[in-house]
Amino acid sequence: MNSYNRENVLNLNYFINDEEGAKLIQNNSYLMQGLINVSLRLEW
């Protein structure tokens, strides 16, 4: 859970963009910002 609403990086990807003069570009993948927990309890 992300209770403090921070950006948590899941994955870092780097690639080179040759169109802009061999510039190194970083691409970050973040975790979900908020998760909803649902529970259901059935009793007989």
PDB file of N, CA and C in Angstrom:
ATOM      1  N   MET A   1       0.832  -1.183   0.000  1.00  0.00           N
ATOM      2  CA  MET A   1       0.000   0.000   0.000  1.00  0.00           C
ATOM      3  C   MET A   1       0.877   1.247   0.000  1.00  0.00           C
ATOM      4  N   ASN A   2       0.390   2.260  -0.641  1.00  0.00           N
ATOM      5  CA  ASN A   2       1.106   3.513  -0.730  1.00  0.00           C
ATOM      6  C   ASN A   2       0.397   4.536   0.156  1.00  0.00           C
ATOM      7  N   SER A   3       0.531   4.389   1.452  1.00  0.00           N
ATOM      8  CA  SER A   3      -0.221   5.234   2.382  1.00  0.00           C
ATOM      9  C   SER A   3       0.317   6.658   2.459  1.00  0.00           C
ATOM     10  N   TYR A   4       1.562   6.892   2.069  1.00  0.00           N
ATOM     11  CA  TYR A   4       2.131   8.235   2.096  1.00  0.00           C
ATOM     12  C   TYR A   4       2.041   8.940   0.748  1.00  0.00           C
ATOM     13  N   ASN A   5       1.440   8.295  -0.270  1.00  0.00           N
ATOM     14  CA  ASN A   5       1.248   8.844  -1.606  1.00  0.00           C
ATOM     15  C   ASN A   5       2.569   9.303  -2.234  1.00  0.00           C
ATOM     16  N   ARG A   6       3.583   8.462  -2.135  1.00  0.00           N
ATOM     17  CA  ARG A   6       4.882   8.728  -2.739  1.00  0.00           C
ATOM     18  C   ARG A   6       4.984   7.980  -4.060  1.00  0.00           C
ATOM     19  N   GLU A   7       5.849   8.468  -4.944  1.00  0.00           N
ATOM     20  CA  GLU A   7       6.092   7.775  -6.201  1.00  0.00           C
ATOM     21  C   GLU A   7       7.143   6.693  -5.967  1.00  0.00           C
ATOM     22  N   ASN A   8       6.742   5.449  -6.068  1.00  0.00           N
ATOM     23  CA  ASN A   8       7.634   4.316  -5.881  1.00  0.00           C
ATOM     24  C   ASN A   8       7.995   3.757  -7.246  1.00  0.00           C
ATOM     25  N   VAL A   9       9.284   3.763  -7.558  1.00  0.00           N
ATOM     26  CA  VAL A   9       9.756   3.300  -8.855  1.00  0.00           C
ATOM     27  C   VAL A   9       9.783   1.779  -8.868  1.00  0.00           C
ATOM     28  N   LEU A  10       9.124   1.198  -9.855  1.00  0.00           N
ATOM     29  CA  LEU A  10       9.097  -0.249 -10.017  1.00  0.00           C
ATOM     30  C   LEU A  10      10.225  -0.718 -10.922  1.00  0.00           C
ATOM     31  N   ASN A  11      10.491   0.032 -12.007  1.00  0.00           N
ATOM     32  CA  ASN A  11      11.445  -0.411 -13.001  1.00  0.00           C
ATOM     33  C   ASN A  11      12.102   0.812 -13.640  1.00  0.00           C
ATOM     34  N   LEU A  12      13.418   0.739 -13.865  1.00  0.00           N
ATOM     35  CA  LEU A  12      14.161   1.781 -14.567  1.00  0.00           C
ATOM     36  C   LEU A  12      14.645   1.226 -15.900  1.00  0.00           C
ATOM     37  N   ASN A  13      14.372   1.947 -16.970  1.00  0.00           N
ATOM     38  CA  ASN A  13      14.839   1.554 -18.293  1.00  0.00           C
ATOM     39  C   ASN A  13      15.627   2.702 -18.893  1.00  0.00           C
ATOM     40  N   TYR A  14      16.763   2.390 -19.506  1.00  0.00           N
ATOM     41  CA  TYR A  14      17.591   3.382 -20.175  1.00  0.00           C
ATOM     42  C   TYR A  14      17.706   3.003 -21.638  1.00  0.00           C
ATOM     43  N   PHE A  15      17.633   4.001 -22.510  1.00  0.00           N
ATOM     44  CA  PHE A  15      17.874   3.749 -23.923  1.00  0.00           C
ATOM     45  C   PHE A  15      18.506   4.982 -24.553  1.00  0.00           C
ATOM     46  N   ILE A  16      19.143   4.781 -25.706  1.00  0.00           N
ATOM     47  CA  ILE A  16      19.845   5.853 -26.405  1.00  0.00           C
ATOM     48  C   ILE A  16      18.999   6.306 -27.585  1.00  0.00           C
ATOM     49  N   ASN A  17      18.769   7.616 -27.658  1.00  0.00           N
ATOM     50  CA  ASN A  17      18.014   8.209 -28.745  1.00  0.00           C
ATOM     51  C   ASN A  17      19.016   8.782 -29.751  1.00  0.00           C
ATOM     52  N   ASP A  18      19.171   8.102 -30.876  1.00  0.00           N
ATOM     53  CA  ASP A  18      20.132   8.532 -31.890  1.00  0.00           C
ATOM     54  C   ASP A  18      19.663   9.760 -32.665  1.00  0.00           C
ATOM     55  N   GLU A  19      18.365  10.046 -32.651  1.00  0.00           N
ATOM     56  CA  GLU A  19      17.841  11.186 -33.392  1.00  0.00           C
ATOM     57  C   GLU A  19      18.258  12.515 -32.770  1.00  0.00           C
ATOM     58  N   GLU A  20      18.545  12.531 -31.483  1.00  0.00           N
ATOM     59  CA  GLU A  20      18.928  13.759 -30.790  1.00  0.00           C
ATOM     60  C   GLU A  20      20.412  13.761 -30.430  1.00  0.00           C
ATOM     61  N   GLY A  21      21.226  13.118 -31.217  1.00  0.00           N
ATOM     62  CA  GLY A  21      22.665  13.127 -30.983  1.00  0.00           C
ATOM     63  C   GLY A  21      23.116  12.175 -29.909  1.00  0.00           C
ATOM     64  N   ALA A  22      22.634  10.947 -29.932  1.00  0.00           N
ATOM     65  CA  ALA A  22      23.017   9.888 -28.988  1.00  0.00           C
ATOM     66  C   ALA A  22      22.776  10.318 -27.543  1.00  0.00           C
ATOM     67  N   LYS A  23      21.578  10.778 -27.266  1.00  0.00           N
ATOM     68  CA  LYS A  23      21.202  11.234 -25.935  1.00  0.00           C
ATOM     69  C   LYS A  23      20.644  10.063 -25.135  1.00  0.00           C
ATOM     70  N   LEU A  24      21.114   9.903 -23.885  1.00  0.00           N
ATOM     71  CA  LEU A  24      20.653   8.839 -23.004  1.00  0.00           C
ATOM     72  C   LEU A  24      19.349   9.269 -22.342  1.00  0.00           C
ATOM     73  N   ILE A  25      18.316   8.430 -22.436  1.00  0.00           N
ATOM     74  CA  ILE A  25      16.998   8.743 -21.905  1.00  0.00           C
ATOM     75  C   ILE A  25      16.614   7.691 -20.873  1.00  0.00           C
ATOM     76  N   GLN A  26      16.094   8.159 -19.734  1.00  0.00           N
ATOM     77  CA  GLN A  26      15.668   7.274 -18.658  1.00  0.00           C
ATOM     78  C   GLN A  26      14.145   7.200 -18.658  1.00  0.00           C
ATOM     79  N   ASN A  27      13.617   5.981 -18.598  1.00  0.00           N
ATOM     80  CA  ASN A  27      12.180   5.755 -18.563  1.00  0.00           C
ATOM     81  C   ASN A  27      11.852   5.027 -17.259  1.00  0.00           C
ATOM     82  N   ASN A  28      11.007   5.639 -16.406  1.00  0.00           N
ATOM     83  CA  ASN A  28      10.645   5.057 -15.121  1.00  0.00           C
ATOM     84  C   ASN A  28       9.246   4.466 -15.185  1.00  0.00           C
ATOM     85  N   SER A  29       9.066   3.307 -14.576  1.00  0.00           N
ATOM     86  CA  SER A  29       7.748   2.711 -14.399  1.00  0.00           C
ATOM     87  C   SER A  29       7.420   2.776 -12.912  1.00  0.00           C
ATOM     88  N   TYR A  30       6.259   3.342 -12.588  1.00  0.00           N
ATOM     89  CA  TYR A  30       5.884   3.543 -11.196  1.00  0.00           C
ATOM     90  C   TYR A  30       4.825   2.544 -10.763  1.00  0.00           C
ATOM     91  N   LEU A  31       4.771   2.312  -9.443  1.00  0.00           N
ATOM     92  CA  LEU A  31       3.731   1.483  -8.867  1.00  0.00           C
ATOM     93  C   LEU A  31       2.419   2.251  -8.853  1.00  0.00           C
ATOM     94  N   MET A  32       1.350   1.565  -8.600  1.00  0.00           N
ATOM     95  CA  MET A  32       0.044   2.206  -8.530  1.00  0.00           C
ATOM     96  C   MET A  32       0.005   3.194  -7.364  1.00  0.00           C
ATOM     97  N   GLN A  33      -0.676   4.319  -7.559  1.00  0.00           N
ATOM     98  CA  GLN A  33      -0.731   5.347  -6.530  1.00  0.00           C
ATOM     99  C   GLN A  33      -1.606   4.931  -5.351  1.00  0.00           C
ATOM    100  N   GLY A  34      -2.752   4.394  -5.611  1.00  0.00           N
ATOM    101  CA  GLY A  34      -3.631   4.006  -4.525  1.00  0.00           C
ATOM    102  C   GLY A  34      -4.249   2.655  -4.781  1.00  0.00           C
ATOM    103  N   LEU A  35      -4.295   1.856  -3.785  1.00  0.00           N
ATOM    104  CA  LEU A  35      -4.900   0.542  -3.903  1.00  0.00           C
ATOM    105  C   LEU A  35      -6.132   0.481  -3.012  1.00  0.00           C
ATOM    106  N   ILE A  36      -7.167  -0.143  -3.497  1.00  0.00           N
ATOM    107  CA  ILE A  36      -8.400  -0.288  -2.738  1.00  0.00           C
ATOM    108  C   ILE A  36      -8.491  -1.727  -2.259  1.00  0.00           C
ATOM    109  N   ASN A  37      -8.685  -1.883  -0.969  1.00  0.00           N
ATOM    110  CA  ASN A  37      -8.832  -3.208  -0.392  1.00  0.00           C
ATOM    111  C   ASN A  37     -10.311  -3.463  -0.118  1.00  0.00           C
ATOM    112  N   VAL A  38     -10.788  -4.609  -0.575  1.00  0.00           N
ATOM    113  CA  VAL A  38     -12.172  -4.981  -0.356  1.00  0.00           C
ATOM    114  C   VAL A  38     -12.181  -6.367   0.250  1.00  0.00           C
ATOM    115  N   SER A  39     -12.972  -6.518   1.289  1.00  0.00           N
ATOM    116  CA  SER A  39     -13.111  -7.844   1.898  1.00  0.00           C
ATOM    117  C   SER A  39     -14.584  -8.164   2.069  1.00  0.00           C
ATOM    118  N   LEU A  40     -14.856  -9.453   2.009  1.00  0.00           N
ATOM    119  CA  LEU A  40     -16.236  -9.928   2.145  1.00  0.00           C
ATOM    120  C   LEU A  40     -16.218 -11.129   3.080  1.00  0.00           C
ATOM    121  N   ARG A  41     -17.042 -11.075   4.089  1.00  0.00           N
ATOM    122  CA  ARG A  41     -17.090 -12.160   5.070  1.00  0.00           C
ATOM    123  C   ARG A  41     -18.494 -12.729   5.093  1.00  0.00           C
ATOM    124  N   LEU A  42     -18.590 -14.009   4.828  1.00  0.00           N
ATOM    125  CA  LEU A  42     -19.877 -14.706   4.857  1.00  0.00           C
ATOM    126  C   LEU A  42     -19.863 -15.719   5.984  1.00  0.00           C
ATOM    127  N   GLU A  43     -20.929 -15.718   6.770  1.00  0.00           N
ATOM    128  CA  GLU A  43     -21.062 -16.690   7.855  1.00  0.00           C
ATOM    129  C   GLU A  43     -22.380 -17.426   7.667  1.00  0.00           C
ATOM    130  N   TRP A  44     -22.362 -18.719   7.929  1.00  0.00           N
ATOM    131  CA  TRP A  44     -23.577 -19.540   7.801  1.00  0.00           C
ATOM    132  C   TRP A  44     -24.180 -19.778   9.137  1.00  0.00           C
TER     133      TRP A  44
END
